[in-house]
Amino acid sequence: MTKNGGSIFTDISSQSHSLGPMNLRRALRWLVLVVIAGLVGWVYLSQASRVAETEHHIRELRQQRDELQRQNDQLTYDVGRLASVERLTRRARELGYVAVWQARFVAVPSYPTLDDGTPSETTALSQDDPAGRATPSAVAGWWQAVADQFEVWTQTGEP
């Protein structure tokens, strides 16, 4: 086994004693420093990875925001263009509407009004119902009366 007749274990223990307590402490310090440096490096790399991932996500969200802003601006432009007075006037003429210079009002004899002469739909609906509730038959009767009056008005032939 060994030259002295000892075992391998005695050789190892004798070698560890030959390193001395200073060398063992120094090796342990180096081991602790390497482990700490490895942990610090791992934490740094994981944080750097998270930062890069977050920056990428922020960049994507900014691009999405810019695209939505562009679409919003386009829709605002379209609404403004479609709601312009010139376009609405032209479209009304295409549909056959003309400007009214003098308004004509049709008097409906049985249509109830408020004290100031303004028509009251609630009064018209509750006229047949003493409790003041609008029943389907009251609504239908009122609507039929309005429709009949409108039909008579349109058949008068006045422009």
N, C-alpha and C. Protein backbone atom coordinates (compact mmCIF):
# COMPACT_ATOMS: atom_id res chain seq x y z
N MET A 1 0.82 -1.16 0.00
CA MET A 1 0.00 0.00 0.00
C MET A 1 0.88 1.25 0.00
N THR A 2 1.40 1.59 1.07
CA THR A 2 2.33 2.71 1.09
C THR A 2 3.68 2.20 1.54
N LYS A 3 4.62 3.09 1.48
CA LYS A 3 5.97 2.68 1.83
C LYS A 3 6.10 2.32 3.30
N ASN A 4 5.44 2.97 4.18
CA ASN A 4 5.57 2.73 5.60
C ASN A 4 4.72 1.57 6.04
N GLY A 5 3.89 1.09 5.18
CA GLY A 5 3.00 0.02 5.58
C GLY A 5 1.69 0.54 6.09
N GLY A 6 1.38 1.85 5.93
CA GLY A 6 0.13 2.44 6.36
C GLY A 6 -0.92 2.35 5.25
N SER A 7 -2.08 2.72 5.54
CA SER A 7 -3.16 2.68 4.54
C SER A 7 -3.24 4.02 3.80
N ILE A 8 -4.14 4.05 2.83
CA ILE A 8 -4.35 5.26 2.04
C ILE A 8 -4.94 6.35 2.93
N PHE A 9 -5.79 5.97 3.85
CA PHE A 9 -6.43 6.94 4.73
C PHE A 9 -5.41 7.66 5.58
N THR A 10 -4.43 6.96 6.03
CA THR A 10 -3.41 7.62 6.85
C THR A 10 -2.58 8.56 6.00
N ASP A 11 -2.41 8.21 4.71
CA ASP A 11 -1.67 9.10 3.81
C ASP A 11 -2.44 10.40 3.58
N ILE A 12 -3.74 10.27 3.39
CA ILE A 12 -4.56 11.46 3.13
C ILE A 12 -4.60 12.33 4.37
N SER A 13 -4.79 11.73 5.52
CA SER A 13 -4.84 12.53 6.74
C SER A 13 -3.48 13.16 7.02
N SER A 14 -2.43 12.51 6.66
CA SER A 14 -1.11 13.11 6.88
C SER A 14 -0.89 14.25 5.90
N GLN A 15 -1.45 14.13 4.69
CA GLN A 15 -1.30 15.21 3.72
C GLN A 15 -2.14 16.42 4.14
N SER A 16 -3.32 16.18 4.69
CA SER A 16 -4.14 17.30 5.12
C SER A 16 -3.47 18.02 6.28
N HIS A 17 -2.75 17.29 7.10
CA HIS A 17 -2.03 17.93 8.18
C HIS A 17 -0.85 18.69 7.64
N SER A 18 -0.31 18.21 6.52
CA SER A 18 0.84 18.91 5.96
C SER A 18 0.41 20.22 5.30
N LEU A 19 -0.89 20.29 4.83
CA LEU A 19 -1.38 21.55 4.27
C LEU A 19 -1.46 22.59 5.37
N GLY A 20 -1.77 22.16 6.50
CA GLY A 20 -1.82 23.06 7.63
C GLY A 20 -3.17 23.76 7.71
N PRO A 21 -3.49 24.27 8.87
CA PRO A 21 -4.77 24.93 9.06
C PRO A 21 -4.88 26.21 8.24
N MET A 22 -3.79 26.89 7.93
CA MET A 22 -3.85 28.11 7.15
C MET A 22 -4.24 27.84 5.71
N ASN A 23 -3.70 26.78 5.15
CA ASN A 23 -4.02 26.47 3.77
C ASN A 23 -5.48 26.00 3.63
N LEU A 24 -5.98 25.29 4.59
CA LEU A 24 -7.38 24.82 4.57
C LEU A 24 -8.33 26.01 4.69
N ARG A 25 -8.01 26.97 5.54
CA ARG A 25 -8.85 28.16 5.68
C ARG A 25 -8.82 29.00 4.40
N ARG A 26 -7.65 29.11 3.83
CA ARG A 26 -7.51 29.87 2.59
C ARG A 26 -8.33 29.22 1.48
N ALA A 27 -8.30 27.92 1.38
CA ALA A 27 -9.08 27.20 0.35
C ALA A 27 -10.57 27.38 0.61
N LEU A 28 -10.97 27.33 1.86
CA LEU A 28 -12.38 27.52 2.20
C LEU A 28 -12.83 28.96 1.86
N ARG A 29 -11.98 29.93 2.12
CA ARG A 29 -12.30 31.32 1.76
C ARG A 29 -12.48 31.46 0.24
N TRP A 30 -11.57 30.86 -0.49
CA TRP A 30 -11.69 30.93 -1.96
C TRP A 30 -12.98 30.26 -2.43
N LEU A 31 -13.32 29.16 -1.81
CA LEU A 31 -14.55 28.46 -2.19
C LEU A 31 -15.77 29.34 -1.89
N VAL A 32 -15.80 29.98 -0.73
CA VAL A 32 -16.91 30.87 -0.37
C VAL A 32 -16.96 32.05 -1.33
N LEU A 33 -15.81 32.63 -1.67
CA LEU A 33 -15.79 33.75 -2.61
C LEU A 33 -16.29 33.34 -3.99
N VAL A 34 -15.94 32.18 -4.45
CA VAL A 34 -16.39 31.69 -5.76
C VAL A 34 -17.90 31.48 -5.73
N VAL A 35 -18.42 30.90 -4.64
CA VAL A 35 -19.86 30.67 -4.53
C VAL A 35 -20.60 32.01 -4.50
N ILE A 36 -20.10 32.96 -3.72
CA ILE A 36 -20.75 34.28 -3.65
C ILE A 36 -20.70 34.97 -5.01
N ALA A 37 -19.55 34.93 -5.67
CA ALA A 37 -19.43 35.55 -7.00
C ALA A 37 -20.39 34.87 -7.98
N GLY A 38 -20.53 33.57 -7.88
CA GLY A 38 -21.47 32.86 -8.75
C GLY A 38 -22.91 33.28 -8.50
N LEU A 39 -23.28 33.42 -7.22
CA LEU A 39 -24.64 33.87 -6.88
C LEU A 39 -24.90 35.30 -7.35
N VAL A 40 -23.92 36.18 -7.16
CA VAL A 40 -24.07 37.57 -7.62
C VAL A 40 -24.20 37.60 -9.13
N GLY A 41 -23.40 36.83 -9.83
CA GLY A 41 -23.49 36.75 -11.29
C GLY A 41 -24.84 36.22 -11.74
N TRP A 42 -25.32 35.19 -11.06
CA TRP A 42 -26.63 34.62 -11.42
C TRP A 42 -27.75 35.64 -11.21
N VAL A 43 -27.71 36.36 -10.08
CA VAL A 43 -28.73 37.38 -9.80
C VAL A 43 -28.65 38.48 -10.85
N TYR A 44 -27.43 38.93 -11.18
CA TYR A 44 -27.26 39.97 -12.18
C TYR A 44 -27.82 39.53 -13.53
N LEU A 45 -27.48 38.34 -13.96
CA LEU A 45 -27.96 37.86 -15.26
C LEU A 45 -29.47 37.68 -15.29
N SER A 46 -30.04 37.18 -14.19
CA SER A 46 -31.50 37.02 -14.18
C SER A 46 -32.19 38.37 -14.20
N GLN A 47 -31.66 39.37 -13.48
CA GLN A 47 -32.24 40.70 -13.50
C GLN A 47 -32.07 41.35 -14.88
N ALA A 48 -30.92 41.19 -15.48
CA ALA A 48 -30.68 41.75 -16.81
C ALA A 48 -31.63 41.12 -17.83
N SER A 49 -31.88 39.84 -17.68
CA SER A 49 -32.81 39.15 -18.58
C SER A 49 -34.22 39.70 -18.40
N ARG A 50 -34.63 39.89 -17.16
CA ARG A 50 -35.96 40.45 -16.90
C ARG A 50 -36.09 41.87 -17.44
N VAL A 51 -35.04 42.67 -17.29
CA VAL A 51 -35.06 44.04 -17.79
C VAL A 51 -35.19 44.04 -19.31
N ALA A 52 -34.43 43.18 -19.97
CA ALA A 52 -34.50 43.11 -21.43
C ALA A 52 -35.88 42.65 -21.88
N GLU A 53 -36.45 41.68 -21.19
CA GLU A 53 -37.79 41.20 -21.52
C GLU A 53 -38.83 42.30 -21.31
N THR A 54 -38.71 43.05 -20.22
CA THR A 54 -39.64 44.14 -19.94
C THR A 54 -39.51 45.25 -20.98
N GLU A 55 -38.29 45.59 -21.36
CA GLU A 55 -38.08 46.60 -22.39
C GLU A 55 -38.71 46.16 -23.72
N HIS A 56 -38.59 44.90 -24.06
CA HIS A 56 -39.20 44.38 -25.28
C HIS A 56 -40.72 44.50 -25.20
N HIS A 57 -41.28 44.16 -24.05
CA HIS A 57 -42.73 44.24 -23.87
C HIS A 57 -43.20 45.70 -23.96
N ILE A 58 -42.44 46.61 -23.36
CA ILE A 58 -42.78 48.04 -23.42
C ILE A 58 -42.72 48.53 -24.85
N ARG A 59 -41.73 48.11 -25.60
CA ARG A 59 -41.61 48.50 -27.01
C ARG A 59 -42.83 48.02 -27.80
N GLU A 60 -43.26 46.78 -27.56
CA GLU A 60 -44.44 46.25 -28.25
C GLU A 60 -45.70 47.05 -27.87
N LEU A 61 -45.85 47.38 -26.58
CA LEU A 61 -47.01 48.15 -26.13
C LEU A 61 -47.00 49.56 -26.73
N ARG A 62 -45.82 50.17 -26.85
CA ARG A 62 -45.75 51.49 -27.48
C ARG A 62 -46.14 51.43 -28.95
N GLN A 63 -45.69 50.37 -29.64
CA GLN A 63 -46.08 50.21 -31.04
C GLN A 63 -47.58 50.02 -31.16
N GLN A 64 -48.15 49.22 -30.25
CA GLN A 64 -49.59 49.01 -30.27
C GLN A 64 -50.33 50.32 -29.97
N ARG A 65 -49.83 51.09 -29.00
CA ARG A 65 -50.43 52.39 -28.68
C ARG A 65 -50.37 53.33 -29.87
N ASP A 66 -49.22 53.36 -30.55
CA ASP A 66 -49.09 54.24 -31.71
C ASP A 66 -50.04 53.82 -32.83
N GLU A 67 -50.21 52.53 -33.05
CA GLU A 67 -51.13 52.03 -34.07
C GLU A 67 -52.57 52.39 -33.71
N LEU A 68 -52.94 52.22 -32.45
CA LEU A 68 -54.30 52.58 -32.01
C LEU A 68 -54.52 54.09 -32.12
N GLN A 69 -53.51 54.88 -31.81
CA GLN A 69 -53.62 56.33 -31.94
C GLN A 69 -53.81 56.71 -33.40
N ARG A 70 -53.08 56.03 -34.30
CA ARG A 70 -53.22 56.30 -35.73
C ARG A 70 -54.64 55.96 -36.19
N GLN A 71 -55.15 54.81 -35.75
CA GLN A 71 -56.50 54.41 -36.12
C GLN A 71 -57.53 55.40 -35.56
N ASN A 72 -57.32 55.85 -34.32
CA ASN A 72 -58.23 56.82 -33.70
C ASN A 72 -58.22 58.13 -34.48
N ASP A 73 -57.04 58.58 -34.88
CA ASP A 73 -56.94 59.80 -35.67
C ASP A 73 -57.66 59.64 -37.01
N GLN A 74 -57.49 58.48 -37.64
CA GLN A 74 -58.17 58.22 -38.92
C GLN A 74 -59.68 58.24 -38.74
N LEU A 75 -60.18 57.62 -37.67
CA LEU A 75 -61.62 57.61 -37.42
C LEU A 75 -62.14 59.02 -37.12
N THR A 76 -61.37 59.80 -36.38
CA THR A 76 -61.76 61.18 -36.10
C THR A 76 -61.84 61.98 -37.40
N TYR A 77 -60.87 61.77 -38.26
CA TYR A 77 -60.88 62.44 -39.57
C TYR A 77 -62.10 62.01 -40.37
N ASP A 78 -62.39 60.70 -40.40
CA ASP A 78 -63.54 60.20 -41.15
C ASP A 78 -64.85 60.77 -40.62
N VAL A 79 -64.99 60.83 -39.29
CA VAL A 79 -66.21 61.39 -38.70
C VAL A 79 -66.35 62.85 -39.08
N GLY A 80 -65.27 63.59 -39.00
CA GLY A 80 -65.32 65.01 -39.37
C GLY A 80 -65.67 65.20 -40.84
N ARG A 81 -65.10 64.36 -41.68
CA ARG A 81 -65.38 64.46 -43.12
C ARG A 81 -66.82 64.09 -43.41
N LEU A 82 -67.31 63.01 -42.80
CA LEU A 82 -68.67 62.55 -43.07
C LEU A 82 -69.73 63.46 -42.45
N ALA A 83 -69.38 64.17 -41.39
CA ALA A 83 -70.35 65.02 -40.71
C ALA A 83 -70.26 66.47 -41.16
N SER A 84 -69.50 66.74 -42.20
CA SER A 84 -69.38 68.13 -42.64
C SER A 84 -70.71 68.63 -43.18
N VAL A 85 -70.94 69.91 -43.04
CA VAL A 85 -72.21 70.51 -43.46
C VAL A 85 -72.40 70.36 -44.96
N GLU A 86 -71.32 70.55 -45.72
CA GLU A 86 -71.42 70.43 -47.18
C GLU A 86 -71.85 69.02 -47.59
N ARG A 87 -71.25 68.03 -46.98
CA ARG A 87 -71.58 66.65 -47.33
C ARG A 87 -73.02 66.31 -46.93
N LEU A 88 -73.41 66.75 -45.72
CA LEU A 88 -74.77 66.46 -45.27
C LEU A 88 -75.80 67.18 -46.15
N THR A 89 -75.51 68.39 -46.57
CA THR A 89 -76.41 69.13 -47.45
C THR A 89 -76.53 68.42 -48.80
N ARG A 90 -75.39 68.02 -49.35
CA ARG A 90 -75.40 67.30 -50.64
C ARG A 90 -76.18 65.99 -50.52
N ARG A 91 -75.97 65.26 -49.44
CA ARG A 91 -76.67 63.97 -49.26
C ARG A 91 -78.17 64.20 -49.08
N ALA A 92 -78.56 65.24 -48.38
CA ALA A 92 -79.98 65.54 -48.19
C ALA A 92 -80.62 65.86 -49.54
N ARG A 93 -79.93 66.60 -50.39
CA ARG A 93 -80.46 66.90 -51.72
C ARG A 93 -80.59 65.64 -52.56
N GLU A 94 -79.59 64.73 -52.43
CA GLU A 94 -79.66 63.46 -53.16
C GLU A 94 -80.88 62.65 -52.74
N LEU A 95 -81.24 62.75 -51.48
CA LEU A 95 -82.40 62.00 -50.97
C LEU A 95 -83.72 62.73 -51.22
N GLY A 96 -83.66 63.93 -51.77
CA GLY A 96 -84.88 64.65 -52.11
C GLY A 96 -85.34 65.64 -51.08
N TYR A 97 -84.58 65.91 -50.07
CA TYR A 97 -84.96 66.90 -49.07
C TYR A 97 -84.66 68.30 -49.61
N VAL A 98 -85.49 69.24 -49.24
CA VAL A 98 -85.28 70.63 -49.64
C VAL A 98 -85.35 71.50 -48.39
N ALA A 99 -84.79 72.69 -48.51
CA ALA A 99 -84.80 73.61 -47.38
C ALA A 99 -86.22 74.14 -47.17
N VAL A 100 -86.61 74.28 -45.92
CA VAL A 100 -87.93 74.80 -45.57
C VAL A 100 -87.75 76.24 -45.14
N TRP A 101 -88.46 77.14 -45.83
CA TRP A 101 -88.35 78.55 -45.51
C TRP A 101 -89.50 79.03 -44.64
N GLN A 102 -90.61 78.30 -44.71
CA GLN A 102 -91.75 78.69 -43.89
C GLN A 102 -92.35 77.41 -43.31
N ALA A 103 -92.44 77.34 -42.01
CA ALA A 103 -92.98 76.16 -41.35
C ALA A 103 -94.49 76.27 -41.26
N ARG A 104 -95.15 75.17 -41.47
CA ARG A 104 -96.61 75.12 -41.34
C ARG A 104 -96.93 74.11 -40.24
N PHE A 105 -97.81 74.49 -39.38
CA PHE A 105 -98.19 73.62 -38.28
C PHE A 105 -99.61 73.13 -38.51
N VAL A 106 -99.84 71.90 -38.15
CA VAL A 106 -101.16 71.30 -38.30
C VAL A 106 -101.80 71.22 -36.92
N ALA A 107 -102.95 71.76 -36.81
CA ALA A 107 -103.67 71.70 -35.54
C ALA A 107 -104.47 70.41 -35.47
N VAL A 108 -104.32 69.71 -34.38
CA VAL A 108 -105.05 68.47 -34.16
C VAL A 108 -106.08 68.78 -33.08
N PRO A 109 -107.37 68.77 -33.45
CA PRO A 109 -108.38 69.23 -32.49
C PRO A 109 -108.45 68.38 -31.23
N SER A 110 -108.28 67.10 -31.30
CA SER A 110 -108.44 66.26 -30.12
C SER A 110 -107.13 66.02 -29.37
N TYR A 111 -106.05 66.66 -29.80
CA TYR A 111 -104.75 66.44 -29.17
C TYR A 111 -104.63 67.33 -27.93
N PRO A 112 -104.45 66.74 -26.74
CA PRO A 112 -104.39 67.55 -25.51
C PRO A 112 -103.09 68.34 -25.44
N THR A 113 -103.14 69.49 -24.81
CA THR A 113 -101.96 70.33 -24.67
C THR A 113 -101.77 70.70 -23.20
N LEU A 114 -100.58 71.20 -22.91
CA LEU A 114 -100.31 71.71 -21.57
C LEU A 114 -100.92 73.10 -21.45
N ASP A 115 -100.77 73.75 -20.32
CA ASP A 115 -101.35 75.07 -20.10
C ASP A 115 -100.81 76.11 -21.08
N ASP A 116 -99.52 75.93 -21.50
CA ASP A 116 -98.94 76.91 -22.41
C ASP A 116 -99.21 76.58 -23.88
N GLY A 117 -100.01 75.57 -24.16
CA GLY A 117 -100.35 75.20 -25.52
C GLY A 117 -99.43 74.15 -26.12
N THR A 118 -98.47 73.66 -25.34
CA THR A 118 -97.55 72.64 -25.82
C THR A 118 -98.22 71.27 -25.69
N PRO A 119 -98.10 70.41 -26.73
CA PRO A 119 -98.71 69.08 -26.62
C PRO A 119 -98.10 68.26 -25.50
N SER A 120 -98.93 67.49 -24.85
CA SER A 120 -98.48 66.63 -23.76
C SER A 120 -98.77 65.19 -24.12
N GLU A 121 -97.72 64.41 -24.34
CA GLU A 121 -97.91 63.00 -24.70
C GLU A 121 -98.50 62.24 -23.52
N THR A 122 -98.09 62.56 -22.32
CA THR A 122 -98.62 61.88 -21.15
C THR A 122 -100.12 62.12 -21.03
N THR A 123 -100.55 63.34 -21.28
CA THR A 123 -101.98 63.66 -21.22
C THR A 123 -102.72 62.90 -22.30
N ALA A 124 -102.12 62.82 -23.49
CA ALA A 124 -102.78 62.11 -24.59
C ALA A 124 -102.90 60.63 -24.29
N LEU A 125 -101.89 60.08 -23.67
CA LEU A 125 -101.92 58.65 -23.38
C LEU A 125 -102.87 58.33 -22.25
N SER A 126 -103.00 59.22 -21.29
CA SER A 126 -103.83 58.92 -20.13
C SER A 126 -105.25 59.47 -20.27
N GLN A 127 -105.60 60.01 -21.42
CA GLN A 127 -106.90 60.63 -21.60
C GLN A 127 -108.04 59.63 -21.40
N ASP A 128 -107.88 58.41 -21.91
CA ASP A 128 -108.93 57.40 -21.79
C ASP A 128 -108.85 56.63 -20.48
N ASP A 129 -107.77 56.78 -19.74
CA ASP A 129 -107.55 56.00 -18.52
C ASP A 129 -107.66 56.91 -17.31
N PRO A 130 -108.66 56.74 -16.49
CA PRO A 130 -108.83 57.64 -15.35
C PRO A 130 -107.69 57.55 -14.35
N ALA A 131 -107.00 56.43 -14.27
CA ALA A 131 -105.91 56.29 -13.30
C ALA A 131 -104.65 56.98 -13.79
N GLY A 132 -104.61 57.43 -15.04
CA GLY A 132 -103.44 58.13 -15.55
C GLY A 132 -102.37 57.22 -16.11
N ARG A 133 -102.68 55.96 -16.34
CA ARG A 133 -101.70 55.02 -16.87
C ARG A 133 -101.87 54.92 -18.38
N ALA A 134 -100.76 54.76 -19.07
CA ALA A 134 -100.79 54.58 -20.52
C ALA A 134 -101.01 53.10 -20.81
N THR A 135 -102.17 52.76 -21.31
CA THR A 135 -102.47 51.37 -21.65
C THR A 135 -102.16 51.16 -23.12
N PRO A 136 -101.93 49.92 -23.53
CA PRO A 136 -101.64 49.66 -24.94
C PRO A 136 -102.77 50.15 -25.87
N SER A 137 -104.01 50.01 -25.45
CA SER A 137 -105.11 50.45 -26.31
C SER A 137 -105.12 51.97 -26.42
N ALA A 138 -104.77 52.69 -25.34
CA ALA A 138 -104.71 54.15 -25.39
C ALA A 138 -103.60 54.61 -26.32
N VAL A 139 -102.45 53.94 -26.24
CA VAL A 139 -101.33 54.29 -27.11
C VAL A 139 -101.70 54.02 -28.56
N ALA A 140 -102.30 52.87 -28.82
CA ALA A 140 -102.69 52.52 -30.18
C ALA A 140 -103.71 53.51 -30.72
N GLY A 141 -104.68 53.89 -29.91
CA GLY A 141 -105.69 54.84 -30.34
C GLY A 141 -105.10 56.21 -30.62
N TRP A 142 -104.22 56.66 -29.76
CA TRP A 142 -103.57 57.95 -29.95
C TRP A 142 -102.72 57.94 -31.21
N TRP A 143 -101.95 56.87 -31.39
CA TRP A 143 -101.08 56.78 -32.56
C TRP A 143 -101.90 56.73 -33.85
N GLN A 144 -103.01 56.04 -33.81
CA GLN A 144 -103.88 55.96 -34.99
C GLN A 144 -104.44 57.34 -35.33
N ALA A 145 -104.81 58.09 -34.31
CA ALA A 145 -105.33 59.44 -34.55
C ALA A 145 -104.26 60.33 -35.16
N VAL A 146 -103.04 60.23 -34.69
CA VAL A 146 -101.94 61.03 -35.25
C VAL A 146 -101.67 60.60 -36.69
N ALA A 147 -101.64 59.29 -36.94
CA ALA A 147 -101.39 58.79 -38.29
C ALA A 147 -102.49 59.24 -39.25
N ASP A 148 -103.75 59.18 -38.82
CA ASP A 148 -104.86 59.64 -39.66
C ASP A 148 -104.74 61.13 -39.98
N GLN A 149 -104.39 61.93 -38.98
CA GLN A 149 -104.24 63.36 -39.19
C GLN A 149 -103.09 63.64 -40.16
N PHE A 150 -102.01 62.89 -40.04
CA PHE A 150 -100.86 63.06 -40.93
C PHE A 150 -101.25 62.71 -42.37
N GLU A 151 -102.02 61.65 -42.52
CA GLU A 151 -102.47 61.24 -43.85
C GLU A 151 -103.35 62.30 -44.47
N VAL A 152 -104.24 62.87 -43.71
CA VAL A 152 -105.11 63.95 -44.22
C VAL A 152 -104.23 65.15 -44.62
N TRP A 153 -103.26 65.47 -43.83
CA TRP A 153 -102.38 66.60 -44.10
C TRP A 153 -101.58 66.39 -45.38
N THR A 154 -101.09 65.15 -45.61
CA THR A 154 -100.29 64.89 -46.81
C THR A 154 -101.14 64.86 -48.06
N GLN A 155 -102.42 64.64 -47.96
CA GLN A 155 -103.29 64.59 -49.14
C GLN A 155 -103.83 65.95 -49.53
N THR A 156 -103.50 67.00 -48.80
CA THR A 156 -104.02 68.31 -49.13
C THR A 156 -103.39 68.88 -50.38
N GLY A 157 -102.21 68.36 -50.77
CA GLY A 157 -101.58 68.79 -51.99
C GLY A 157 -100.75 70.05 -51.85
N GLU A 158 -100.64 70.59 -50.66
CA GLU A 158 -99.82 71.77 -50.46
C GLU A 158 -98.37 71.35 -50.30
N PRO A 159 -97.46 72.11 -50.95
CA PRO A 159 -96.04 71.74 -50.85
C PRO A 159 -95.45 72.01 -49.51
